[in-house]
Amino acid sequence: MQTLLPQLELLLQQAHISLSDQQKQQLLALVGLLHKWNKAYNLTSVREPEAMLVRHILDSIVVAPYLNGSRFIDVGTGPGLPGLPLAIVQPDKQFVLLDSLGKRIRFIRQVILELGLKNVVAVQSRVEEFHDETGFDGVLSRAFASLTDMLNWCHHLPAVNGVFLALKGVYPQEELDNLPAGFTFVSGHRLDVPQLDAERHLIIVKKQQP
């Protein structure tokens, strides 16, 4: 994957993201493992490592500036997206990566082992059955069908001042117009992902306190 280093460095430069050499190597190693495991486990429809750099790595780490706090959970993480790239670029924060499929969790645990990540825990569970006493500063999701589903299924996960961070494609105005009762729209942000010819937005929602 070393041949991808110049492309990664260009993408980071275009996104105005500064990383250490070690972080760059970890991101490349993640792409390598994803590419290798994908052949047997079909973890992602993105087949080419070059495309993974844009659609999985950059697409995940552009969210980093919006992570306020120290504890985060990535629900329905799939092969660890956006949780693994975010954990690499923000080693001072703790991430729980949650998915119900065993093969995805096995892959994530292998990545944690091979990359020596100390700030990631992989959990196999359905989101509605997972409970955490402390609560999270941020509940991340990249693949939920709708905001309503995400909020209804994950309502028990944020800490008192925690927020929901939903990664979306086009701006989901209709979903925001139909937010479930008890939740408040905080902000929406257009995400600039270099070399991605599709829209990306981050939607931040908060649970109303009683």
C-alpha atoms as a PDB file:
ATOM      1  CA  MET A   1       0.000   0.000   0.000  1.00  0.00           C
ATOM      2  CA  GLN A   2       3.051   2.297   0.115  1.00  0.00           C
ATOM      3  CA  THR A   3       2.379   3.195  -3.507  1.00  0.00           C
ATOM      4  CA  LEU A   4      -0.766   4.967  -2.252  1.00  0.00           C
ATOM      5  CA  LEU A   5       1.150   7.307   0.063  1.00  0.00           C
ATOM      6  CA  PRO A   6       1.479  10.164  -2.477  1.00  0.00           C
ATOM      7  CA  GLN A   7      -2.270   9.978  -3.204  1.00  0.00           C
ATOM      8  CA  LEU A   8      -3.098   9.993   0.512  1.00  0.00           C
ATOM      9  CA  GLU A   9      -0.808  12.973   1.118  1.00  0.00           C
ATOM     10  CA  LEU A  10      -2.420  14.894  -1.738  1.00  0.00           C
ATOM     11  CA  LEU A  11      -5.927  14.158  -0.416  1.00  0.00           C
ATOM     12  CA  LEU A  12      -4.932  15.286   3.086  1.00  0.00           C
ATOM     13  CA  GLN A  13      -3.405  18.461   1.675  1.00  0.00           C
ATOM     14  CA  GLN A  14      -6.573  19.208  -0.317  1.00  0.00           C
ATOM     15  CA  ALA A  15      -8.673  18.625   2.812  1.00  0.00           C
ATOM     16  CA  HIS A  16      -6.342  20.796   4.949  1.00  0.00           C
ATOM     17  CA  ILE A  17      -5.699  17.894   7.339  1.00  0.00           C
ATOM     18  CA  SER A  18      -2.301  17.481   8.974  1.00  0.00           C
ATOM     19  CA  LEU A  19      -1.298  14.008  10.234  1.00  0.00           C
ATOM     20  CA  SER A  20       1.878  12.377  11.546  1.00  0.00           C
ATOM     21  CA  ASP A  21       3.790   9.844   9.455  1.00  0.00           C
ATOM     22  CA  GLN A  22       2.610   7.114  11.826  1.00  0.00           C
ATOM     23  CA  GLN A  23      -1.044   8.086  11.318  1.00  0.00           C
ATOM     24  CA  LYS A  24      -0.589   8.048   7.539  1.00  0.00           C
ATOM     25  CA  GLN A  25       0.956   4.567   7.744  1.00  0.00           C
ATOM     26  CA  GLN A  26      -1.925   3.347   9.929  1.00  0.00           C
ATOM     27  CA  LEU A  27      -4.485   4.657   7.422  1.00  0.00           C
ATOM     28  CA  LEU A  28      -2.664   2.916   4.578  1.00  0.00           C
ATOM     29  CA  ALA A  29      -2.493  -0.295   6.624  1.00  0.00           C
ATOM     30  CA  LEU A  30      -6.244  -0.034   7.234  1.00  0.00           C
ATOM     31  CA  VAL A  31      -6.857   0.225   3.479  1.00  0.00           C
ATOM     32  CA  GLY A  32      -4.585  -2.778   2.941  1.00  0.00           C
ATOM     33  CA  LEU A  33      -6.488  -4.901   5.462  1.00  0.00           C
ATOM     34  CA  LEU A  34      -9.840  -3.773   4.111  1.00  0.00           C
ATOM     35  CA  HIS A  35      -8.766  -4.697   0.583  1.00  0.00           C
ATOM     36  CA  LYS A  36      -7.421  -8.084   1.713  1.00  0.00           C
ATOM     37  CA  TRP A  37     -10.425  -9.088   3.844  1.00  0.00           C
ATOM     38  CA  ASN A  38     -12.921  -7.745   1.338  1.00  0.00           C
ATOM     39  CA  LYS A  39     -12.083 -10.525  -1.112  1.00  0.00           C
ATOM     40  CA  ALA A  40     -13.315 -13.166   1.326  1.00  0.00           C
ATOM     41  CA  TYR A  41     -15.806 -11.320   3.522  1.00  0.00           C
ATOM     42  CA  ASN A  42     -17.372  -8.781   1.145  1.00  0.00           C
ATOM     43  CA  LEU A  43     -17.157  -5.975   3.708  1.00  0.00           C
ATOM     44  CA  THR A  44     -17.622  -3.108   1.249  1.00  0.00           C
ATOM     45  CA  SER A  45     -18.763  -2.582  -2.327  1.00  0.00           C
ATOM     46  CA  VAL A  46     -15.715  -0.362  -2.894  1.00  0.00           C
ATOM     47  CA  ARG A  47     -13.162  -2.720  -4.404  1.00  0.00           C
ATOM     48  CA  GLU A  48     -10.137  -0.607  -5.348  1.00  0.00           C
ATOM     49  CA  PRO A  49      -7.713   0.665  -2.669  1.00  0.00           C
ATOM     50  CA  GLU A  50      -7.446   4.022  -4.492  1.00  0.00           C
ATOM     51  CA  ALA A  51     -11.212   4.478  -4.228  1.00  0.00           C
ATOM     52  CA  MET A  52     -11.172   3.379  -0.573  1.00  0.00           C
ATOM     53  CA  LEU A  53      -8.818   6.265   0.228  1.00  0.00           C
ATOM     54  CA  VAL A  54     -11.442   8.751  -0.937  1.00  0.00           C
ATOM     55  CA  ARG A  55     -14.718   7.016  -0.124  1.00  0.00           C
ATOM     56  CA  HIS A  56     -13.770   5.403   3.188  1.00  0.00           C
ATOM     57  CA  ILE A  57     -10.736   7.172   4.676  1.00  0.00           C
ATOM     58  CA  LEU A  58     -11.208  10.840   3.718  1.00  0.00           C
ATOM     59  CA  ASP A  59     -14.976  10.479   3.848  1.00  0.00           C
ATOM     60  CA  SER A  60     -14.588   9.485   7.520  1.00  0.00           C
ATOM     61  CA  ILE A  61     -11.860  11.792   8.807  1.00  0.00           C
ATOM     62  CA  VAL A  62     -13.422  15.032   7.495  1.00  0.00           C
ATOM     63  CA  VAL A  63     -15.815  14.624  10.445  1.00  0.00           C
ATOM     64  CA  ALA A  64     -12.985  14.867  13.021  1.00  0.00           C
ATOM     65  CA  PRO A  65     -13.256  18.645  13.654  1.00  0.00           C
ATOM     66  CA  TYR A  66     -16.860  18.172  14.829  1.00  0.00           C
ATOM     67  CA  LEU A  67     -16.076  15.597  17.529  1.00  0.00           C
ATOM     68  CA  ASN A  68     -16.393  17.411  20.839  1.00  0.00           C
ATOM     69  CA  GLY A  69     -15.739  15.343  23.952  1.00  0.00           C
ATOM     70  CA  SER A  70     -13.800  12.174  24.634  1.00  0.00           C
ATOM     71  CA  ARG A  71     -16.131   9.155  24.239  1.00  0.00           C
ATOM     72  CA  PHE A  72     -17.832   8.189  20.989  1.00  0.00           C
ATOM     73  CA  ILE A  73     -19.819   5.253  19.668  1.00  0.00           C
ATOM     74  CA  ASP A  74     -20.085   4.370  15.967  1.00  0.00           C
ATOM     75  CA  VAL A  75     -23.370   2.491  15.554  1.00  0.00           C
ATOM     76  CA  GLY A  76     -23.817   0.107  12.628  1.00  0.00           C
ATOM     77  CA  THR A  77     -20.111   0.631  11.986  1.00  0.00           C
ATOM     78  CA  GLY A  78     -19.878  -2.030   9.228  1.00  0.00           C
ATOM     79  CA  PRO A  79     -16.159  -2.557   8.576  1.00  0.00           C
ATOM     80  CA  GLY A  80     -15.322   0.187  11.081  1.00  0.00           C
ATOM     81  CA  LEU A  81     -16.401   3.305   9.217  1.00  0.00           C
ATOM     82  CA  PRO A  82     -16.108   6.101  10.198  1.00  0.00           C
ATOM     83  CA  GLY A  83     -14.863   4.827  13.594  1.00  0.00           C
ATOM     84  CA  LEU A  84     -11.485   3.298  12.662  1.00  0.00           C
ATOM     85  CA  PRO A  85     -10.156   6.226  10.571  1.00  0.00           C
ATOM     86  CA  LEU A  86     -11.384   8.677  13.233  1.00  0.00           C
ATOM     87  CA  ALA A  87      -9.691   6.667  15.999  1.00  0.00           C
ATOM     88  CA  ILE A  88      -6.421   6.800  14.045  1.00  0.00           C
ATOM     89  CA  VAL A  89      -6.524  10.575  13.535  1.00  0.00           C
ATOM     90  CA  GLN A  90      -7.821  11.313  17.060  1.00  0.00           C
ATOM     91  CA  PRO A  91      -5.871   8.956  19.352  1.00  0.00           C
ATOM     92  CA  ASP A  92      -6.823  11.012  22.425  1.00  0.00           C
ATOM     93  CA  LYS A  93     -10.505  10.037  22.059  1.00  0.00           C
ATOM     94  CA  GLN A  94     -12.131   6.680  22.882  1.00  0.00           C
ATOM     95  CA  PHE A  95     -14.312   4.856  20.339  1.00  0.00           C
ATOM     96  CA  VAL A  96     -16.754   1.974  20.671  1.00  0.00           C
ATOM     97  CA  LEU A  97     -17.531   0.362  17.293  1.00  0.00           C
ATOM     98  CA  LEU A  98     -20.842  -1.459  17.326  1.00  0.00           C
ATOM     99  CA  ASP A  99     -22.230  -3.876  14.745  1.00  0.00           C
ATOM    100  CA  SER A 100     -24.474  -6.936  14.867  1.00  0.00           C
ATOM    101  CA  LEU A 101     -22.530  -8.927  12.241  1.00  0.00           C
ATOM    102  CA  GLY A 102     -19.754 -11.174  13.516  1.00  0.00           C
ATOM    103  CA  LYS A 103     -17.578 -11.004  10.396  1.00  0.00           C
ATOM    104  CA  ARG A 104     -17.398  -7.208  10.618  1.00  0.00           C
ATOM    105  CA  ILE A 105     -16.454  -7.275  14.306  1.00  0.00           C
ATOM    106  CA  ARG A 106     -13.808  -9.948  13.636  1.00  0.00           C
ATOM    107  CA  PHE A 107     -12.303  -7.703  10.950  1.00  0.00           C
ATOM    108  CA  ILE A 108     -12.290  -4.661  13.264  1.00  0.00           C
ATOM    109  CA  ARG A 109     -10.626  -6.644  16.050  1.00  0.00           C
ATOM    110  CA  GLN A 110      -7.926  -7.764  13.619  1.00  0.00           C
ATOM    111  CA  VAL A 111      -7.327  -4.140  12.588  1.00  0.00           C
ATOM    112  CA  ILE A 112      -7.111  -3.070  16.253  1.00  0.00           C
ATOM    113  CA  LEU A 113      -4.538  -5.824  16.847  1.00  0.00           C
ATOM    114  CA  GLU A 114      -2.401  -5.213  13.755  1.00  0.00           C
ATOM    115  CA  LEU A 115      -2.434  -1.412  14.010  1.00  0.00           C
ATOM    116  CA  GLY A 116      -1.949  -1.384  17.784  1.00  0.00           C
ATOM    117  CA  LEU A 117      -4.967   0.853  18.394  1.00  0.00           C
ATOM    118  CA  LYS A 118      -5.453   1.427  22.131  1.00  0.00           C
ATOM    119  CA  ASN A 119      -8.548   3.662  21.860  1.00  0.00           C
ATOM    120  CA  VAL A 120     -10.999   1.319  20.087  1.00  0.00           C
ATOM    121  CA  VAL A 121     -13.302  -1.390  21.408  1.00  0.00           C
ATOM    122  CA  ALA A 122     -15.342  -3.550  19.007  1.00  0.00           C
ATOM    123  CA  VAL A 123     -18.713  -4.798  20.260  1.00  0.00           C
ATOM    124  CA  GLN A 124     -21.033  -7.263  18.531  1.00  0.00           C
ATOM    125  CA  SER A 125     -24.593  -6.322  19.453  1.00  0.00           C
ATOM    126  CA  ARG A 126     -27.817  -4.908  18.118  1.00  0.00           C
ATOM    127  CA  VAL A 127     -27.843  -1.208  18.970  1.00  0.00           C
ATOM    128  CA  GLU A 128     -31.133  -1.330  20.883  1.00  0.00           C
ATOM    129  CA  GLU A 129     -29.716  -4.076  23.128  1.00  0.00           C
ATOM    130  CA  PHE A 130     -26.441  -2.303  23.920  1.00  0.00           C
ATOM    131  CA  HIS A 131     -26.256  -0.212  27.083  1.00  0.00           C
ATOM    132  CA  ASP A 132     -23.491   1.924  28.526  1.00  0.00           C
ATOM    133  CA  GLU A 133     -23.808   3.457  31.993  1.00  0.00           C
ATOM    134  CA  THR A 134     -21.604   6.478  31.314  1.00  0.00           C
ATOM    135  CA  GLY A 135     -23.146   7.528  28.003  1.00  0.00           C
ATOM    136  CA  PHE A 136     -21.302   8.963  25.016  1.00  0.00           C
ATOM    137  CA  ASP A 137     -20.356  12.510  23.994  1.00  0.00           C
ATOM    138  CA  GLY A 138     -21.195  11.619  20.420  1.00  0.00           C
ATOM    139  CA  VAL A 139     -23.266   8.902  18.722  1.00  0.00           C
ATOM    140  CA  LEU A 140     -21.971   8.508  15.162  1.00  0.00           C
ATOM    141  CA  SER A 141     -23.682   6.847  12.249  1.00  0.00           C
ATOM    142  CA  ARG A 142     -22.771   6.620   8.604  1.00  0.00           C
ATOM    143  CA  ALA A 143     -25.163   4.006   7.318  1.00  0.00           C
ATOM    144  CA  PHE A 144     -28.523   4.320   9.052  1.00  0.00           C
ATOM    145  CA  ALA A 145     -31.515   4.419   6.729  1.00  0.00           C
ATOM    146  CA  SER A 146     -33.051   7.526   8.285  1.00  0.00           C
ATOM    147  CA  LEU A 147     -32.535  10.043  11.062  1.00  0.00           C
ATOM    148  CA  THR A 148     -35.768   8.869  12.674  1.00  0.00           C
ATOM    149  CA  ASP A 149     -34.520   5.264  12.861  1.00  0.00           C
ATOM    150  CA  MET A 150     -31.168   6.380  14.230  1.00  0.00           C
ATOM    151  CA  LEU A 151     -32.736   8.539  16.960  1.00  0.00           C
ATOM    152  CA  ASN A 152     -35.347   5.968  17.934  1.00  0.00           C
ATOM    153  CA  TRP A 153     -32.850   3.088  18.132  1.00  0.00           C
ATOM    154  CA  CYS A 154     -29.978   5.038  19.738  1.00  0.00           C
ATOM    155  CA  HIS A 155     -31.877   7.394  22.040  1.00  0.00           C
ATOM    156  CA  HIS A 156     -30.392   5.704  25.145  1.00  0.00           C
ATOM    157  CA  LEU A 157     -26.743   6.125  24.141  1.00  0.00           C
ATOM    158  CA  PRO A 158     -25.748   9.812  24.551  1.00  0.00           C
ATOM    159  CA  ALA A 159     -24.544  11.272  27.848  1.00  0.00           C
ATOM    160  CA  VAL A 160     -26.525  14.248  29.242  1.00  0.00           C
ATOM    161  CA  ASN A 161     -24.884  16.744  26.874  1.00  0.00           C
ATOM    162  CA  GLY A 162     -24.102  14.206  24.145  1.00  0.00           C
ATOM    163  CA  VAL A 163     -25.151  14.638  20.516  1.00  0.00           C
ATOM    164  CA  PHE A 164     -26.063  12.499  17.521  1.00  0.00           C
ATOM    165  CA  LEU A 165     -23.771  12.899  14.501  1.00  0.00           C
ATOM    166  CA  ALA A 166     -25.363  11.551  11.324  1.00  0.00           C
ATOM    167  CA  LEU A 167     -23.243  11.347   8.159  1.00  0.00           C
ATOM    168  CA  LYS A 168     -25.484  11.908   5.169  1.00  0.00           C
ATOM    169  CA  GLY A 169     -25.246  12.352   1.426  1.00  0.00           C
ATOM    170  CA  VAL A 170     -27.540  15.116   0.148  1.00  0.00           C
ATOM    171  CA  TYR A 171     -28.928  17.475   2.788  1.00  0.00           C
ATOM    172  CA  PRO A 172     -31.831  15.544   4.391  1.00  0.00           C
ATOM    173  CA  GLN A 173     -34.304  18.400   4.751  1.00  0.00           C
ATOM    174  CA  GLU A 174     -37.362  16.148   4.699  1.00  0.00           C
ATOM    175  CA  GLU A 175     -35.946  13.978   7.481  1.00  0.00           C
ATOM    176  CA  LEU A 176     -35.174  17.083   9.541  1.00  0.00           C
ATOM    177  CA  ASP A 177     -38.723  18.360   9.023  1.00  0.00           C
ATOM    178  CA  ASN A 178     -39.965  15.106  10.542  1.00  0.00           C
ATOM    179  CA  LEU A 179     -37.668  14.697  13.542  1.00  0.00           C
ATOM    180  CA  PRO A 180     -39.242  12.567  16.280  1.00  0.00           C
ATOM    181  CA  ALA A 181     -40.560  14.347  19.360  1.00  0.00           C
ATOM    182  CA  GLY A 182     -37.956  14.935  22.052  1.00  0.00           C
ATOM    183  CA  PHE A 183     -35.083  15.764  19.676  1.00  0.00           C
ATOM    184  CA  THR A 184     -33.705  19.128  18.521  1.00  0.00           C
ATOM    185  CA  PHE A 185     -31.754  19.970  15.365  1.00  0.00           C
ATOM    186  CA  VAL A 186     -28.443  21.579  16.351  1.00  0.00           C
ATOM    187  CA  SER A 187     -26.593  22.207  13.075  1.00  0.00           C
ATOM    188  CA  GLY A 188     -25.891  20.956   9.571  1.00  0.00           C
ATOM    189  CA  HIS A 189     -22.502  21.063   7.866  1.00  0.00           C
ATOM    190  CA  ARG A 190     -21.475  20.472   4.280  1.00  0.00           C
ATOM    191  CA  LEU A 191     -18.402  18.235   4.256  1.00  0.00           C
ATOM    192  CA  ASP A 192     -15.771  18.757   1.594  1.00  0.00           C
ATOM    193  CA  VAL A 193     -14.304  15.389   0.600  1.00  0.00           C
ATOM    194  CA  PRO A 194     -11.553  15.862  -2.021  1.00  0.00           C
ATOM    195  CA  GLN A 195     -12.027  13.937  -5.288  1.00  0.00           C
ATOM    196  CA  LEU A 196     -15.495  12.704  -4.259  1.00  0.00           C
ATOM    197  CA  ASP A 197     -18.136  13.563  -6.847  1.00  0.00           C
ATOM    198  CA  ALA A 198     -21.047  13.358  -4.425  1.00  0.00           C
ATOM    199  CA  GLU A 199     -22.483  15.525  -1.689  1.00  0.00           C
ATOM    200  CA  ARG A 200     -21.713  14.863   1.961  1.00  0.00           C
ATOM    201  CA  HIS A 201     -23.323  16.470   4.995  1.00  0.00           C
ATOM    202  CA  LEU A 202     -23.048  16.091   8.739  1.00  0.00           C
ATOM    203  CA  ILE A 203     -26.245  16.541  10.747  1.00  0.00           C
ATOM    204  CA  ILE A 204     -26.010  17.171  14.489  1.00  0.00           C
ATOM    205  CA  VAL A 205     -29.063  16.509  16.669  1.00  0.00           C
ATOM    206  CA  LYS A 206     -29.522  16.695  20.437  1.00  0.00           C
ATOM    207  CA  LYS A 207     -31.918  14.964  22.770  1.00  0.00           C
ATOM    208  CA  GLN A 208     -34.101  17.380  24.734  1.00  0.00           C
ATOM    209  CA  GLN A 209     -33.560  17.163  28.473  1.00  0.00           C
ATOM    210  CA  PRO A 210     -36.615  16.631  30.677  1.00  0.00           C
END
